[in-house]
Amino acid sequence: MAVPLLAAGVPYSAVRIPVLSDVHANLAALEAVIADAADAGTDTPPWVLGDIVGYGPDPTEVIDRLRGLGAKAIAGNHDLAAAGLIAIDDFNPLAAAAVRWTAGIIDDTAREYLASLPARLEEGDFTLVHGSPRDPVWEYLTSAEAITECLAHFSTPVCLFGHTHVPIVIDASSSDLAVTQFTSAEPLRLAAERMYVNPGSVGQPRDGDPRASYAIVEPDTSTIEFRRVAYDIATTQARMRRARLPGPLINRLAFGR
């Protein structure tokens, strides 16, 4: 379904904020996104919607890069597990193996940073969570029931979320939810009264497009722009092989699944 309250062709304004999610320790993808965001005229530190680490080979480097940018970040389930704050019992075997590897390679500074991340933030008209506003760490917003019930758990017009690795906009202003998965970079106006927006995954997309996915928000004009960026997937895969991370996690990067 199309989102009826989104208008295309909105011009840029002065404040443009990159919105990143699910970097998953993929430094090559993150660097490509940072460069693209600079070319697109962003001028503020990024908002990061959790799962900075996990799956990928560069947890310390990704943490250092985001901290150097002054990123406003929240915690994802992989972040908290790597920091030792939640158990890995609910992770699938591949994810659990990557969490164990990550926890074993990061130093105390990185671990303390991950442990310090809040579960949610509010920035103007935007609530930032990883999973959902009801359960910021674990819940997947993939059902109409969850989407509707979670409206009571945030009060801003827009909830930015990650976790599913799929770029999507959900107009939840009425009981007839309007859901659109985006592949275009044309700016869209966030004109609905209640919305959910997922920028997709920087480090491990799962919508069939292997390019890094992120978004740029313009709070002054209430617009958002979805962007895809090619990066050197082979470099990340080679680093994962050297780290002896699970083969399926390595292979899936090439397919975006």
Protein backbone atom coordinates (compact mmCIF):
# COMPACT_ATOMS: atom_id res chain seq x y z
CA MET A 1 0.00 0.00 0.00
CA ALA A 2 1.13 3.52 -0.67
CA VAL A 3 1.44 5.96 2.19
CA PRO A 4 -1.16 8.63 1.37
CA LEU A 5 0.27 11.37 3.59
CA LEU A 6 3.77 11.42 2.12
CA ALA A 7 4.52 14.08 -0.46
CA ALA A 8 7.52 13.78 -2.77
CA GLY A 9 9.86 16.45 -4.03
CA VAL A 10 10.49 18.33 -0.78
CA PRO A 11 13.56 20.64 -0.96
CA TYR A 12 16.51 20.35 1.42
CA SER A 13 16.71 22.48 4.57
CA ALA A 14 19.72 23.45 6.68
CA VAL A 15 19.60 20.62 9.23
CA ARG A 16 20.12 17.13 7.81
CA ILE A 17 20.70 14.22 10.19
CA PRO A 18 21.89 10.76 9.11
CA VAL A 19 19.85 7.97 10.70
CA LEU A 20 21.72 4.67 10.89
CA SER A 21 20.74 1.30 12.28
CA ASP A 22 22.18 -2.19 12.54
CA VAL A 23 25.76 -1.35 11.56
CA HIS A 24 26.73 -4.74 12.98
CA ALA A 25 30.48 -4.14 13.15
CA ASN A 26 30.78 -3.65 9.38
CA LEU A 27 33.34 -0.86 9.09
CA ALA A 28 33.50 -0.86 5.28
CA ALA A 29 29.74 -0.31 5.06
CA LEU A 30 29.82 2.36 7.76
CA GLU A 31 32.60 4.30 6.04
CA ALA A 32 30.68 4.22 2.76
CA VAL A 33 27.59 5.57 4.50
CA ILE A 34 29.54 8.30 6.27
CA ALA A 35 31.04 9.44 2.97
CA ASP A 36 27.67 9.38 1.23
CA ALA A 37 26.03 11.32 4.05
CA ALA A 38 28.72 14.00 3.81
CA ASP A 39 28.18 14.26 0.05
CA ALA A 40 24.44 14.60 0.71
CA GLY A 41 24.98 17.68 2.86
CA THR A 42 24.46 16.30 6.37
CA ASP A 43 25.97 18.52 9.02
CA THR A 44 25.16 16.93 12.38
CA PRO A 45 26.23 13.74 14.21
CA PRO A 46 24.23 10.67 13.21
CA TRP A 47 21.43 9.07 15.15
CA VAL A 48 22.16 5.36 15.56
CA LEU A 49 19.32 2.96 16.32
CA GLY A 50 21.23 0.14 17.94
CA ASP A 51 23.08 -3.05 17.05
CA ILE A 52 26.34 -1.25 16.53
CA VAL A 53 28.14 -4.59 16.94
CA GLY A 54 27.36 -8.24 16.30
CA TYR A 55 27.75 -10.39 13.15
CA GLY A 56 30.59 -8.32 11.66
CA PRO A 57 34.38 -8.26 12.09
CA ASP A 58 35.09 -4.70 13.26
CA PRO A 59 33.32 -3.99 16.57
CA THR A 60 36.03 -1.83 18.14
CA GLU A 61 36.68 0.15 14.96
CA VAL A 62 32.97 0.82 14.42
CA ILE A 63 32.49 1.95 18.03
CA ASP A 64 35.50 4.26 17.80
CA ARG A 65 34.27 5.74 14.51
CA LEU A 66 30.80 6.48 15.81
CA ARG A 67 32.12 7.92 19.04
CA GLY A 68 34.46 10.13 17.04
CA LEU A 69 31.48 11.45 15.10
CA GLY A 70 29.64 12.26 18.32
CA ALA A 71 26.81 9.90 17.37
CA LYS A 72 23.63 9.83 19.45
CA ALA A 73 23.19 6.10 19.84
CA ILE A 74 20.87 3.69 21.60
CA ALA A 75 21.38 0.04 22.53
CA GLY A 76 20.37 -2.96 20.50
CA ASN A 77 20.16 -6.56 21.63
CA HIS A 78 23.58 -7.42 20.17
CA ASP A 79 25.16 -4.45 21.93
CA LEU A 80 23.80 -5.43 25.32
CA ALA A 81 24.71 -9.08 24.85
CA ALA A 82 28.27 -8.21 23.86
CA ALA A 83 28.49 -6.01 26.96
CA GLY A 84 27.33 -8.91 29.13
CA LEU A 85 24.08 -7.25 30.17
CA ILE A 86 21.67 -9.76 28.62
CA ALA A 87 21.95 -13.50 28.10
CA ILE A 88 22.42 -14.96 24.64
CA ASP A 89 19.91 -17.77 25.17
CA ASP A 90 17.36 -16.16 22.86
CA PHE A 91 19.84 -15.63 20.01
CA ASN A 92 19.94 -18.09 17.14
CA PRO A 93 23.15 -20.18 17.00
CA LEU A 94 24.85 -18.04 14.34
CA ALA A 95 24.08 -14.78 16.13
CA ALA A 96 25.14 -16.29 19.46
CA ALA A 97 28.48 -17.36 17.99
CA ALA A 98 29.07 -13.83 16.70
CA VAL A 99 28.12 -12.32 20.07
CA ARG A 100 30.57 -14.60 21.88
CA TRP A 101 33.34 -13.64 19.45
CA THR A 102 32.51 -9.94 19.83
CA ALA A 103 32.46 -10.13 23.63
CA GLY A 104 35.84 -11.83 23.55
CA ILE A 105 37.55 -9.27 21.31
CA ILE A 106 36.32 -5.89 22.56
CA ASP A 107 38.19 -4.12 25.34
CA ASP A 108 36.82 -2.62 28.53
CA THR A 109 36.40 0.82 26.97
CA ALA A 110 34.22 -0.55 24.19
CA ARG A 111 32.30 -2.75 26.61
CA GLU A 112 31.61 0.20 28.90
CA TYR A 113 30.42 2.28 25.97
CA LEU A 114 27.95 -0.37 24.87
CA ALA A 115 26.73 -0.81 28.44
CA SER A 116 26.16 2.94 28.76
CA LEU A 117 23.83 3.23 25.77
CA PRO A 118 20.20 4.14 26.64
CA ALA A 119 17.32 1.95 25.53
CA ARG A 120 15.54 4.89 23.88
CA LEU A 121 15.87 8.57 23.17
CA GLU A 122 13.51 11.38 22.24
CA GLU A 123 14.77 14.03 19.83
CA GLY A 124 12.08 16.59 19.07
CA ASP A 125 9.32 14.89 17.08
CA PHE A 126 11.21 11.60 16.98
CA THR A 127 11.38 8.66 19.39
CA LEU A 128 14.44 6.46 18.79
CA VAL A 129 14.36 2.75 19.64
CA HIS A 130 15.98 -0.40 18.33
CA GLY A 131 13.18 -2.95 18.51
CA SER A 132 9.91 -1.25 19.45
CA PRO A 133 8.77 1.49 21.83
CA ARG A 134 7.18 -1.21 24.01
CA ASP A 135 10.28 -3.41 24.12
CA PRO A 136 13.25 -1.43 22.78
CA VAL A 137 15.66 -4.34 22.90
CA TRP A 138 13.88 -7.39 21.48
CA GLU A 139 10.46 -6.84 19.93
CA TYR A 140 10.19 -6.95 16.13
CA LEU A 141 7.64 -4.57 14.59
CA THR A 142 6.49 -7.00 11.94
CA SER A 143 2.80 -7.51 12.73
CA ALA A 144 -0.19 -5.18 12.56
CA GLU A 145 -1.05 -6.13 16.15
CA ALA A 146 2.37 -5.10 17.49
CA ILE A 147 2.42 -1.90 15.45
CA THR A 148 -1.00 -0.86 16.76
CA GLU A 149 -0.36 -1.81 20.39
CA CYS A 150 2.99 0.00 20.44
CA LEU A 151 1.36 3.34 19.61
CA ALA A 152 0.54 3.69 23.31
CA HIS A 153 4.23 3.47 24.17
CA PHE A 154 5.46 6.64 22.46
CA SER A 155 3.99 10.11 22.17
CA THR A 156 6.01 11.75 19.41
CA PRO A 157 4.67 11.88 15.84
CA VAL A 158 7.43 9.57 14.54
CA CYS A 159 9.09 6.47 15.98
CA LEU A 160 12.42 5.59 14.36
CA PHE A 161 13.27 1.91 14.80
CA GLY A 162 15.62 -0.77 13.49
CA HIS A 163 16.06 -4.50 14.22
CA THR A 164 14.28 -5.82 11.09
CA HIS A 165 16.98 -4.61 8.66
CA VAL A 166 14.33 -3.48 6.15
CA PRO A 167 13.75 0.17 5.13
CA ILE A 168 10.08 0.91 5.65
CA VAL A 169 7.53 3.59 6.51
CA ILE A 170 4.31 2.76 8.36
CA ASP A 171 1.51 5.31 8.54
CA ALA A 172 -0.34 4.36 11.73
CA SER A 173 -2.67 7.35 11.88
CA SER A 174 -5.71 5.12 11.40
CA SER A 175 -6.62 1.49 11.94
CA ASP A 176 -5.97 0.90 8.23
CA LEU A 177 -2.18 0.76 8.44
CA ALA A 178 -0.37 1.95 5.31
CA VAL A 179 3.00 0.26 4.82
CA THR A 180 5.58 1.13 2.19
CA GLN A 181 9.02 -0.39 1.70
CA PHE A 182 11.29 2.17 0.04
CA THR A 183 13.97 1.79 -2.60
CA SER A 184 14.02 5.41 -3.84
CA ALA A 185 16.10 8.29 -2.45
CA GLU A 186 13.50 10.93 -3.31
CA PRO A 187 12.69 12.94 -0.15
CA LEU A 188 9.34 12.20 1.49
CA ARG A 189 7.33 14.36 3.87
CA LEU A 190 6.48 12.80 7.23
CA ALA A 191 3.03 14.30 7.30
CA ALA A 192 1.06 11.58 9.09
CA GLU A 193 0.05 12.05 12.73
CA ARG A 194 1.63 8.76 13.89
CA MET A 195 4.35 7.01 11.94
CA TYR A 196 7.04 4.38 12.24
CA VAL A 197 10.18 4.66 10.11
CA ASN A 198 12.97 2.10 9.72
CA PRO A 199 16.08 3.24 7.79
CA GLY A 200 17.17 -0.33 7.05
CA SER A 201 20.55 -1.81 7.95
CA VAL A 202 23.97 -0.33 7.29
CA GLY A 203 25.93 -3.50 7.86
CA GLN A 204 23.60 -6.39 7.05
CA PRO A 205 20.60 -5.50 4.83
CA ARG A 206 17.86 -8.12 4.59
CA ASP A 207 15.59 -6.74 1.88
CA GLY A 208 17.36 -8.37 -1.06
CA ASP A 209 19.61 -5.38 -1.76
CA PRO A 210 23.17 -5.89 -0.43
CA ARG A 211 24.00 -2.18 -0.46
CA ALA A 212 24.19 -0.37 2.88
CA SER A 213 20.89 1.27 3.81
CA TYR A 214 20.33 4.41 5.86
CA ALA A 215 18.18 7.55 5.90
CA ILE A 216 18.53 11.30 6.26
CA VAL A 217 16.00 13.20 8.37
CA GLU A 218 15.26 16.91 8.12
CA PRO A 219 13.44 17.77 11.36
CA ASP A 220 12.72 21.37 10.29
CA THR A 221 10.71 20.22 7.29
CA SER A 222 9.61 16.82 8.65
CA THR A 223 11.08 15.01 5.66
CA ILE A 224 13.08 11.84 5.25
CA GLU A 225 15.21 10.49 2.45
CA PHE A 226 16.16 6.82 2.08
CA ARG A 227 19.58 6.12 0.61
CA ARG A 228 21.49 3.02 -0.57
CA VAL A 229 25.27 2.91 -0.81
CA ALA A 230 27.50 0.30 -2.43
CA TYR A 231 30.53 -0.75 -0.41
CA ASP A 232 33.36 -3.26 -0.64
CA ILE A 233 31.54 -6.35 0.55
CA ALA A 234 34.51 -8.58 -0.25
CA THR A 235 36.66 -6.69 2.25
CA THR A 236 34.19 -7.30 5.06
CA GLN A 237 33.80 -10.93 4.07
CA ALA A 238 37.57 -11.45 4.08
CA ARG A 239 37.87 -9.94 7.55
CA MET A 240 35.04 -12.19 8.76
CA ARG A 241 36.82 -15.25 7.40
CA ARG A 242 40.03 -14.28 9.19
CA ALA A 243 38.02 -13.92 12.40
CA ARG A 244 36.48 -17.37 11.79
CA LEU A 245 32.95 -16.00 12.05
CA PRO A 246 30.19 -18.36 10.81
CA GLY A 247 30.11 -18.96 7.06
CA PRO A 248 26.39 -18.21 6.56
CA LEU A 249 26.89 -14.74 8.09
CA ILE A 250 29.71 -14.15 5.60
CA ASN A 251 27.82 -15.38 2.55
CA ARG A 252 24.57 -13.52 3.19
CA LEU A 253 26.25 -10.11 2.83
CA ALA A 254 26.50 -10.64 -0.94
CA PHE A 255 22.76 -11.23 -1.27
CA GLY A 256 21.23 -8.80 1.21
CA ARG A 257 19.28 -11.59 2.92
